[in-house]
Amino acid sequence: MLGISGDSSGKQKKFQDKYDLPYTLLADDSRKVCEAFGVIKEKNMYGKKVKGIARTTFVIGPDGKIKHIFNNVKAEDHALEVLEYLKGAA
């Protein structure tokens, strides 16, 4: 399992340590990976349109192909949602 965000590697490390995350976080401060996966979206921030990273989860199979995409992810209960998907996909 990997997590990727547009934050710097230093911010990623602090976040990982703070929440004791058991998986690797990758920094994509150039946003090249986000662009490649199509998760840079137009958003409204305080009534202003801005481009930002849409929180998205990709389930990638052993063959390297995307098996499922969860769009507009909300952190709360998302891990359970993914776990349920994986149990049904097995």
PDB file of N, CA and C in Angstrom:
ATOM      1  N   MET A   1       0.846  -1.161   0.000  1.00  0.00           N
ATOM      2  CA  MET A   1       0.000   0.000   0.000  1.00  0.00           C
ATOM      3  C   MET A   1       0.897   1.231   0.000  1.00  0.00           C
ATOM      4  N   LEU A   2       0.500   2.222  -0.780  1.00  0.00           N
ATOM      5  CA  LEU A   2       1.217   3.486  -0.863  1.00  0.00           C
ATOM      6  C   LEU A   2       0.245   4.644  -0.721  1.00  0.00           C
ATOM      7  N   GLY A   3       0.708   5.721  -0.166  1.00  0.00           N
ATOM      8  CA  GLY A   3      -0.030   6.972  -0.156  1.00  0.00           C
ATOM      9  C   GLY A   3       0.793   7.994  -0.905  1.00  0.00           C
ATOM     10  N   ILE A   4       0.146   8.809  -1.722  1.00  0.00           N
ATOM     11  CA  ILE A   4       0.847   9.833  -2.498  1.00  0.00           C
ATOM     12  C   ILE A   4       0.118  11.154  -2.318  1.00  0.00           C
ATOM     13  N   SER A   5       0.879  12.224  -2.101  1.00  0.00           N
ATOM     14  CA  SER A   5       0.266  13.548  -2.053  1.00  0.00           C
ATOM     15  C   SER A   5       1.220  14.564  -2.650  1.00  0.00           C
ATOM     16  N   GLY A   6       0.739  15.770  -2.804  1.00  0.00           N
ATOM     17  CA  GLY A   6       1.543  16.847  -3.355  1.00  0.00           C
ATOM     18  C   GLY A   6       2.441  17.509  -2.327  1.00  0.00           C
ATOM     19  N   ASP A   7       2.466  17.000  -1.114  1.00  0.00           N
ATOM     20  CA  ASP A   7       3.307  17.566  -0.061  1.00  0.00           C
ATOM     21  C   ASP A   7       4.767  17.174  -0.248  1.00  0.00           C
ATOM     22  N   SER A   8       5.654  17.917   0.381  1.00  0.00           N
ATOM     23  CA  SER A   8       7.080  17.594   0.346  1.00  0.00           C
ATOM     24  C   SER A   8       7.345  16.329   1.157  1.00  0.00           C
ATOM     25  N   SER A   9       8.511  15.731   0.945  1.00  0.00           N
ATOM     26  CA  SER A   9       8.853  14.506   1.679  1.00  0.00           C
ATOM     27  C   SER A   9       8.964  14.782   3.179  1.00  0.00           C
ATOM     28  N   GLY A  10       9.395  15.975   3.556  1.00  0.00           N
ATOM     29  CA  GLY A  10       9.473  16.329   4.978  1.00  0.00           C
ATOM     30  C   GLY A  10       8.103  16.355   5.633  1.00  0.00           C
ATOM     31  N   LYS A  11       7.126  16.963   4.956  1.00  0.00           N
ATOM     32  CA  LYS A  11       5.759  16.991   5.483  1.00  0.00           C
ATOM     33  C   LYS A  11       5.173  15.587   5.535  1.00  0.00           C
ATOM     34  N   GLN A  12       5.483  14.775   4.525  1.00  0.00           N
ATOM     35  CA  GLN A  12       4.997  13.394   4.493  1.00  0.00           C
ATOM     36  C   GLN A  12       5.517  12.632   5.711  1.00  0.00           C
ATOM     37  N   LYS A  13       6.799  12.787   6.000  1.00  0.00           N
ATOM     38  CA  LYS A  13       7.419  12.080   7.124  1.00  0.00           C
ATOM     39  C   LYS A  13       6.763  12.481   8.447  1.00  0.00           C
ATOM     40  N   LYS A  14       6.527  13.777   8.634  1.00  0.00           N
ATOM     41  CA  LYS A  14       5.879  14.253   9.865  1.00  0.00           C
ATOM     42  C   LYS A  14       4.473  13.673   9.987  1.00  0.00           C
ATOM     43  N   PHE A  15       3.726  13.657   8.890  1.00  0.00           N
ATOM     44  CA  PHE A  15       2.367  13.118   8.888  1.00  0.00           C
ATOM     45  C   PHE A  15       2.385  11.630   9.209  1.00  0.00           C
ATOM     46  N   GLN A  16       3.311  10.896   8.595  1.00  0.00           N
ATOM     47  CA  GLN A  16       3.417   9.455   8.825  1.00  0.00           C
ATOM     48  C   GLN A  16       3.764   9.168  10.281  1.00  0.00           C
ATOM     49  N   ASP A  17       4.689   9.922  10.832  1.00  0.00           N
ATOM     50  CA  ASP A  17       5.080   9.733  12.231  1.00  0.00           C
ATOM     51  C   ASP A  17       3.942  10.109  13.187  1.00  0.00           C
ATOM     52  N   LYS A  18       3.264  11.209  12.904  1.00  0.00           N
ATOM     53  CA  LYS A  18       2.182  11.675  13.774  1.00  0.00           C
ATOM     54  C   LYS A  18       1.066  10.646  13.890  1.00  0.00           C
ATOM     55  N   TYR A  19       0.712  10.022  12.764  1.00  0.00           N
ATOM     56  CA  TYR A  19      -0.408   9.070  12.753  1.00  0.00           C
ATOM     57  C   TYR A  19       0.050   7.614  12.749  1.00  0.00           C
ATOM     58  N   ASP A  20       1.356   7.388  12.886  1.00  0.00           N
ATOM     59  CA  ASP A  20       1.923   6.033  12.953  1.00  0.00           C
ATOM     60  C   ASP A  20       1.397   5.159  11.812  1.00  0.00           C
ATOM     61  N   LEU A  21       1.487   5.684  10.588  1.00  0.00           N
ATOM     62  CA  LEU A  21       0.959   4.968   9.428  1.00  0.00           C
ATOM     63  C   LEU A  21       1.841   3.777   9.068  1.00  0.00           C
ATOM     64  N   PRO A  22       1.232   2.619   8.821  1.00  0.00           N
ATOM     65  CA  PRO A  22       2.000   1.401   8.542  1.00  0.00           C
ATOM     66  C   PRO A  22       2.312   1.197   7.054  1.00  0.00           C
ATOM     67  N   TYR A  23       2.263   2.269   6.266  1.00  0.00           N
ATOM     68  CA  TYR A  23       2.552   2.145   4.839  1.00  0.00           C
ATOM     69  C   TYR A  23       3.390   3.321   4.373  1.00  0.00           C
ATOM     70  N   THR A  24       3.939   3.185   3.208  1.00  0.00           N
ATOM     71  CA  THR A  24       4.834   4.182   2.637  1.00  0.00           C
ATOM     72  C   THR A  24       4.056   5.356   2.059  1.00  0.00           C
ATOM     73  N   LEU A  25       4.559   6.563   2.323  1.00  0.00           N
ATOM     74  CA  LEU A  25       4.000   7.772   1.722  1.00  0.00           C
ATOM     75  C   LEU A  25       5.014   8.326   0.724  1.00  0.00           C
ATOM     76  N   LEU A  26       4.535   8.681  -0.437  1.00  0.00           N
ATOM     77  CA  LEU A  26       5.394   9.240  -1.471  1.00  0.00           C
ATOM     78  C   LEU A  26       5.034  10.700  -1.709  1.00  0.00           C
ATOM     79  N   ALA A  27       6.055  11.534  -1.867  1.00  0.00           N
ATOM     80  CA  ALA A  27       5.848  12.956  -2.139  1.00  0.00           C
ATOM     81  C   ALA A  27       5.801  13.166  -3.649  1.00  0.00           C
ATOM     82  N   ASP A  28       4.775  13.873  -4.091  1.00  0.00           N
ATOM     83  CA  ASP A  28       4.628  14.206  -5.509  1.00  0.00           C
ATOM     84  C   ASP A  28       4.512  15.725  -5.632  1.00  0.00           C
ATOM     85  N   ASP A  29       5.530  16.429  -5.106  1.00  0.00           N
ATOM     86  CA  ASP A  29       5.443  17.883  -5.109  1.00  0.00           C
ATOM     87  C   ASP A  29       5.505  18.483  -6.512  1.00  0.00           C
ATOM     88  N   SER A  30       5.939  17.704  -7.500  1.00  0.00           N
ATOM     89  CA  SER A  30       5.901  18.167  -8.891  1.00  0.00           C
ATOM     90  C   SER A  30       4.533  17.891  -9.515  1.00  0.00           C
ATOM     91  N   ARG A  31       3.744  17.052  -8.843  1.00  0.00           N
ATOM     92  CA  ARG A  31       2.395  16.641  -9.267  1.00  0.00           C
ATOM     93  C   ARG A  31       2.380  15.847 -10.574  1.00  0.00           C
ATOM     94  N   LYS A  32       3.494  15.281 -10.943  1.00  0.00           N
ATOM     95  CA  LYS A  32       3.559  14.469 -12.168  1.00  0.00           C
ATOM     96  C   LYS A  32       2.736  13.191 -12.043  1.00  0.00           C
ATOM     97  N   VAL A  33       2.788  12.540 -10.895  1.00  0.00           N
ATOM     98  CA  VAL A  33       2.016  11.313 -10.688  1.00  0.00           C
ATOM     99  C   VAL A  33       0.527  11.651 -10.656  1.00  0.00           C
ATOM    100  N   CYS A  34       0.188  12.733  -9.961  1.00  0.00           N
ATOM    101  CA  CYS A  34      -1.221  13.155  -9.891  1.00  0.00           C
ATOM    102  C   CYS A  34      -1.762  13.464 -11.288  1.00  0.00           C
ATOM    103  N   GLU A  35      -0.966  14.123 -12.109  1.00  0.00           N
ATOM    104  CA  GLU A  35      -1.375  14.420 -13.489  1.00  0.00           C
ATOM    105  C   GLU A  35      -1.570  13.119 -14.265  1.00  0.00           C
ATOM    106  N   ALA A  36      -0.627  12.188 -14.109  1.00  0.00           N
ATOM    107  CA  ALA A  36      -0.695  10.919 -14.843  1.00  0.00           C
ATOM    108  C   ALA A  36      -1.946  10.116 -14.476  1.00  0.00           C
ATOM    109  N   PHE A  37      -2.367  10.204 -13.217  1.00  0.00           N
ATOM    110  CA  PHE A  37      -3.544   9.467 -12.764  1.00  0.00           C
ATOM    111  C   PHE A  37      -4.835  10.280 -12.900  1.00  0.00           C
ATOM    112  N   GLY A  38      -4.732  11.502 -13.390  1.00  0.00           N
ATOM    113  CA  GLY A  38      -5.916  12.308 -13.651  1.00  0.00           C
ATOM    114  C   GLY A  38      -6.657  12.785 -12.423  1.00  0.00           C
ATOM    115  N   VAL A  39      -5.942  13.048 -11.342  1.00  0.00           N
ATOM    116  CA  VAL A  39      -6.618  13.463 -10.114  1.00  0.00           C
ATOM    117  C   VAL A  39      -6.490  14.963  -9.820  1.00  0.00           C
ATOM    118  N   ILE A  40      -5.918  15.719 -10.750  1.00  0.00           N
ATOM    119  CA  ILE A  40      -5.900  17.177 -10.615  1.00  0.00           C
ATOM    120  C   ILE A  40      -7.241  17.664 -11.141  1.00  0.00           C
ATOM    121  N   LYS A  41      -8.028  18.251 -10.269  1.00  0.00           N
ATOM    122  CA  LYS A  41      -9.396  18.654 -10.607  1.00  0.00           C
ATOM    123  C   LYS A  41      -9.625  20.108 -10.226  1.00  0.00           C
ATOM    124  N   GLU A  42     -10.631  20.704 -10.870  1.00  0.00           N
ATOM    125  CA  GLU A  42     -11.041  22.046 -10.494  1.00  0.00           C
ATOM    126  C   GLU A  42     -11.911  21.946  -9.251  1.00  0.00           C
ATOM    127  N   LYS A  43     -11.612  22.796  -8.255  1.00  0.00           N
ATOM    128  CA  LYS A  43     -12.355  22.797  -7.000  1.00  0.00           C
ATOM    129  C   LYS A  43     -12.778  24.219  -6.670  1.00  0.00           C
ATOM    130  N   ASN A  44     -13.753  24.344  -5.802  1.00  0.00           N
ATOM    131  CA  ASN A  44     -14.152  25.643  -5.268  1.00  0.00           C
ATOM    132  C   ASN A  44     -13.550  25.809  -3.891  1.00  0.00           C
ATOM    133  N   MET A  45     -12.794  26.882  -3.705  1.00  0.00           N
ATOM    134  CA  MET A  45     -12.223  27.165  -2.397  1.00  0.00           C
ATOM    135  C   MET A  45     -12.593  28.596  -2.032  1.00  0.00           C
ATOM    136  N   TYR A  46     -13.472  28.723  -1.077  1.00  0.00           N
ATOM    137  CA  TYR A  46     -13.959  30.031  -0.643  1.00  0.00           C
ATOM    138  C   TYR A  46     -14.537  30.819  -1.815  1.00  0.00           C
ATOM    139  N   GLY A  47     -15.272  30.122  -2.684  1.00  0.00           N
ATOM    140  CA  GLY A  47     -15.921  30.753  -3.816  1.00  0.00           C
ATOM    141  C   GLY A  47     -15.016  30.997  -5.015  1.00  0.00           C
ATOM    142  N   LYS A  48     -13.779  30.590  -4.912  1.00  0.00           N
ATOM    143  CA  LYS A  48     -12.809  30.773  -5.982  1.00  0.00           C
ATOM    144  C   LYS A  48     -12.496  29.417  -6.614  1.00  0.00           C
ATOM    145  N   LYS A  49     -12.422  29.361  -7.942  1.00  0.00           N
ATOM    146  CA  LYS A  49     -12.080  28.106  -8.605  1.00  0.00           C
ATOM    147  C   LYS A  49     -10.557  27.944  -8.626  1.00  0.00           C
ATOM    148  N   VAL A  50     -10.116  26.795  -8.119  1.00  0.00           N
ATOM    149  CA  VAL A  50      -8.685  26.488  -8.077  1.00  0.00           C
ATOM    150  C   VAL A  50      -8.481  25.043  -8.535  1.00  0.00           C
ATOM    151  N   LYS A  51      -7.281  24.741  -8.971  1.00  0.00           N
ATOM    152  CA  LYS A  51      -6.946  23.355  -9.305  1.00  0.00           C
ATOM    153  C   LYS A  51      -6.299  22.725  -8.088  1.00  0.00           C
ATOM    154  N   GLY A  52      -6.746  21.517  -7.776  1.00  0.00           N
ATOM    155  CA  GLY A  52      -6.195  20.814  -6.629  1.00  0.00           C
ATOM    156  C   GLY A  52      -6.268  19.317  -6.844  1.00  0.00           C
ATOM    157  N   ILE A  53      -5.721  18.594  -5.905  1.00  0.00           N
ATOM    158  CA  ILE A  53      -5.700  17.136  -5.982  1.00  0.00           C
ATOM    159  C   ILE A  53      -6.984  16.592  -5.355  1.00  0.00           C
ATOM    160  N   ALA A  54      -7.742  15.840  -6.134  1.00  0.00           N
ATOM    161  CA  ALA A  54      -8.953  15.192  -5.625  1.00  0.00           C
ATOM    162  C   ALA A  54      -8.534  13.916  -4.898  1.00  0.00           C
ATOM    163  N   ARG A  55      -8.961  13.783  -3.652  1.00  0.00           N
ATOM    164  CA  ARG A  55      -8.606  12.601  -2.866  1.00  0.00           C
ATOM    165  C   ARG A  55      -9.238  11.377  -3.519  1.00  0.00           C
ATOM    166  N   THR A  56      -8.396  10.465  -3.960  1.00  0.00           N
ATOM    167  CA  THR A  56      -8.818   9.310  -4.742  1.00  0.00           C
ATOM    168  C   THR A  56      -8.025   8.092  -4.305  1.00  0.00           C
ATOM    169  N   THR A  57      -8.674   6.934  -4.290  1.00  0.00           N
ATOM    170  CA  THR A  57      -7.993   5.675  -3.993  1.00  0.00           C
ATOM    171  C   THR A  57      -8.067   4.784  -5.220  1.00  0.00           C
ATOM    172  N   PHE A  58      -6.919   4.253  -5.610  1.00  0.00           N
ATOM    173  CA  PHE A  58      -6.829   3.309  -6.714  1.00  0.00           C
ATOM    174  C   PHE A  58      -6.449   1.947  -6.160  1.00  0.00           C
ATOM    175  N   VAL A  59      -7.206   0.924  -6.520  1.00  0.00           N
ATOM    176  CA  VAL A  59      -6.830  -0.448  -6.190  1.00  0.00           C
ATOM    177  C   VAL A  59      -6.133  -0.982  -7.439  1.00  0.00           C
ATOM    178  N   ILE A  60      -4.855  -1.324  -7.273  1.00  0.00           N
ATOM    179  CA  ILE A  60      -4.047  -1.792  -8.399  1.00  0.00           C
ATOM    180  C   ILE A  60      -3.700  -3.249  -8.157  1.00  0.00           C
ATOM    181  N   GLY A  61      -4.009  -4.074  -9.139  1.00  0.00           N
ATOM    182  CA  GLY A  61      -3.779  -5.511  -9.017  1.00  0.00           C
ATOM    183  C   GLY A  61      -2.320  -5.895  -9.197  1.00  0.00           C
ATOM    184  N   PRO A  62      -1.998  -7.150  -8.919  1.00  0.00           N
ATOM    185  CA  PRO A  62      -0.627  -7.650  -9.072  1.00  0.00           C
ATOM    186  C   PRO A  62      -0.102  -7.504 -10.499  1.00  0.00           C
ATOM    187  N   ASP A  63      -1.016  -7.429 -11.458  1.00  0.00           N
ATOM    188  CA  ASP A  63      -0.619  -7.269 -12.852  1.00  0.00           C
ATOM    189  C   ASP A  63      -0.332  -5.813 -13.209  1.00  0.00           C
ATOM    190  N   GLY A  64      -0.487  -4.905 -12.231  1.00  0.00           N
ATOM    191  CA  GLY A  64      -0.207  -3.493 -12.460  1.00  0.00           C
ATOM    192  C   GLY A  64      -1.372  -2.723 -13.063  1.00  0.00           C
ATOM    193  N   LYS A  65      -2.517  -3.380 -13.247  1.00  0.00           N
ATOM    194  CA  LYS A  65      -3.681  -2.724 -13.831  1.00  0.00           C
ATOM    195  C   LYS A  65      -4.615  -2.229 -12.735  1.00  0.00           C
ATOM    196  N   ILE A  66      -5.255  -1.088 -12.997  1.00  0.00           N
ATOM    197  CA  ILE A  66      -6.216  -0.530 -12.043  1.00  0.00           C
ATOM    198  C   ILE A  66      -7.456  -1.409 -12.027  1.00  0.00           C
ATOM    199  N   LYS A  67      -7.800  -1.884 -10.834  1.00  0.00           N
ATOM    200  CA  LYS A  67      -8.967  -2.759 -10.661  1.00  0.00           C
ATOM    201  C   LYS A  67     -10.203  -1.980 -10.229  1.00  0.00           C
ATOM    202  N   HIS A  68      -9.999  -0.899  -9.474  1.00  0.00           N
ATOM    203  CA  HIS A  68     -11.136  -0.117  -8.979  1.00  0.00           C
ATOM    204  C   HIS A  68     -10.649   1.272  -8.592  1.00  0.00           C
ATOM    205  N   ILE A  69     -11.535   2.270  -8.738  1.00  0.00           N
ATOM    206  CA  ILE A  69     -11.223   3.646  -8.345  1.00  0.00           C
ATOM    207  C   ILE A  69     -12.313   4.137  -7.392  1.00  0.00           C
ATOM    208  N   PHE A  70     -11.886   4.656  -6.256  1.00  0.00           N
ATOM    209  CA  PHE A  70     -12.785   5.312  -5.315  1.00  0.00           C
ATOM    210  C   PHE A  70     -12.560   6.814  -5.478  1.00  0.00           C
ATOM    211  N   ASN A  71     -13.576   7.544  -5.946  1.00  0.00           N
ATOM    212  CA  ASN A  71     -13.474   8.989  -6.153  1.00  0.00           C
ATOM    213  C   ASN A  71     -14.049   9.752  -4.973  1.00  0.00           C
ATOM    214  N   ASN A  72     -13.608  10.995  -4.816  1.00  0.00           N
ATOM    215  CA  ASN A  72     -14.117  11.891  -3.764  1.00  0.00           C
ATOM    216  C   ASN A  72     -14.107  11.239  -2.393  1.00  0.00           C
ATOM    217  N   VAL A  73     -12.979  10.681  -2.048  1.00  0.00           N
ATOM    218  CA  VAL A  73     -12.820   9.924  -0.804  1.00  0.00           C
ATOM    219  C   VAL A  73     -12.914  10.839   0.410  1.00  0.00           C
ATOM    220  N   LYS A  74     -13.649  10.390   1.396  1.00  0.00           N
ATOM    221  CA  LYS A  74     -13.700  11.018   2.722  1.00  0.00           C
ATOM    222  C   LYS A  74     -12.938  10.086   3.657  1.00  0.00           C
ATOM    223  N   ALA A  75     -12.016  10.628   4.422  1.00  0.00           N
ATOM    224  CA  ALA A  75     -11.139   9.801   5.255  1.00  0.00           C
ATOM    225  C   ALA A  75     -11.904   8.905   6.228  1.00  0.00           C
ATOM    226  N   GLU A  76     -12.949   9.455   6.831  1.00  0.00           N
ATOM    227  CA  GLU A  76     -13.699   8.683   7.821  1.00  0.00           C
ATOM    228  C   GLU A  76     -14.344   7.457   7.175  1.00  0.00           C
ATOM    229  N   ASP A  77     -14.075   6.298   7.713  1.00  0.00           N
ATOM    230  CA  ASP A  77     -14.631   5.016   7.284  1.00  0.00           C
ATOM    231  C   ASP A  77     -14.174   4.549   5.899  1.00  0.00           C
ATOM    232  N   HIS A  78     -13.257   5.276   5.270  1.00  0.00           N
ATOM    233  CA  HIS A  78     -12.832   4.863   3.931  1.00  0.00           C
ATOM    234  C   HIS A  78     -12.064   3.541   3.960  1.00  0.00           C
ATOM    235  N   ALA A  79     -11.255   3.342   4.982  1.00  0.00           N
ATOM    236  CA  ALA A  79     -10.498   2.086   5.077  1.00  0.00           C
ATOM    237  C   ALA A  79     -11.449   0.893   5.097  1.00  0.00           C
ATOM    238  N   LEU A  80     -12.576   1.016   5.810  1.00  0.00           N
ATOM    239  CA  LEU A  80     -13.554  -0.075   5.848  1.00  0.00           C
ATOM    240  C   LEU A  80     -14.190  -0.288   4.480  1.00  0.00           C
ATOM    241  N   GLU A  81     -14.450   0.798   3.774  1.00  0.00           N
ATOM    242  CA  GLU A  81     -15.024   0.709   2.425  1.00  0.00           C
ATOM    243  C   GLU A  81     -14.076  -0.049   1.483  1.00  0.00           C
ATOM    244  N   VAL A  82     -12.796   0.262   1.565  1.00  0.00           N
ATOM    245  CA  VAL A  82     -11.807  -0.416   0.720  1.00  0.00           C
ATOM    246  C   VAL A  82     -11.694  -1.880   1.126  1.00  0.00           C
ATOM    247  N   LEU A  83     -11.674  -2.165   2.415  1.00  0.00           N
ATOM    248  CA  LEU A  83     -11.589  -3.529   2.900  1.00  0.00           C
ATOM    249  C   LEU A  83     -12.765  -4.359   2.414  1.00  0.00           C
ATOM    250  N   GLU A  84     -13.958  -3.802   2.471  1.00  0.00           N
ATOM    251  CA  GLU A  84     -15.146  -4.512   1.980  1.00  0.00           C
ATOM    252  C   GLU A  84     -15.024  -4.799   0.479  1.00  0.00           C
ATOM    253  N   TYR A  85     -14.528  -3.834  -0.268  1.00  0.00           N
ATOM    254  CA  TYR A  85     -14.320  -4.046  -1.703  1.00  0.00           C
ATOM    255  C   TYR A  85     -13.337  -5.199  -1.924  1.00  0.00           C
ATOM    256  N   LEU A  86     -12.222  -5.164  -1.211  1.00  0.00           N
ATOM    257  CA  LEU A  86     -11.193  -6.185  -1.388  1.00  0.00           C
ATOM    258  C   LEU A  86     -11.689  -7.568  -1.002  1.00  0.00           C
ATOM    259  N   LYS A  87     -12.497  -7.663   0.031  1.00  0.00           N
ATOM    260  CA  LYS A  87     -13.070  -8.958   0.419  1.00  0.00           C
ATOM    261  C   LYS A  87     -13.955  -9.498  -0.685  1.00  0.00           C
ATOM    262  N   GLY A  88     -14.741  -8.650  -1.321  1.00  0.00           N
ATOM    263  CA  GLY A  88     -15.633  -9.070  -2.403  1.00  0.00           C
ATOM    264  C   GLY A  88     -14.898  -9.344  -3.694  1.00  0.00           C
ATOM    265  N   ALA A  89     -13.757  -8.731  -3.874  1.00  0.00           N
ATOM    266  CA  ALA A  89     -12.993  -8.902  -5.118  1.00  0.00           C
ATOM    267  C   ALA A  89     -12.141 -10.162  -5.105  1.00  0.00           C
ATOM    268  N   ALA A  90     -11.957 -10.735  -3.934  1.00  0.00           N
ATOM    269  CA  ALA A  90     -11.070 -11.902  -3.787  1.00  0.00           C
ATOM    270  C   ALA A  90     -11.670 -13.166  -4.373  1.00  0.00           C
TER     271      ALA A  90
END
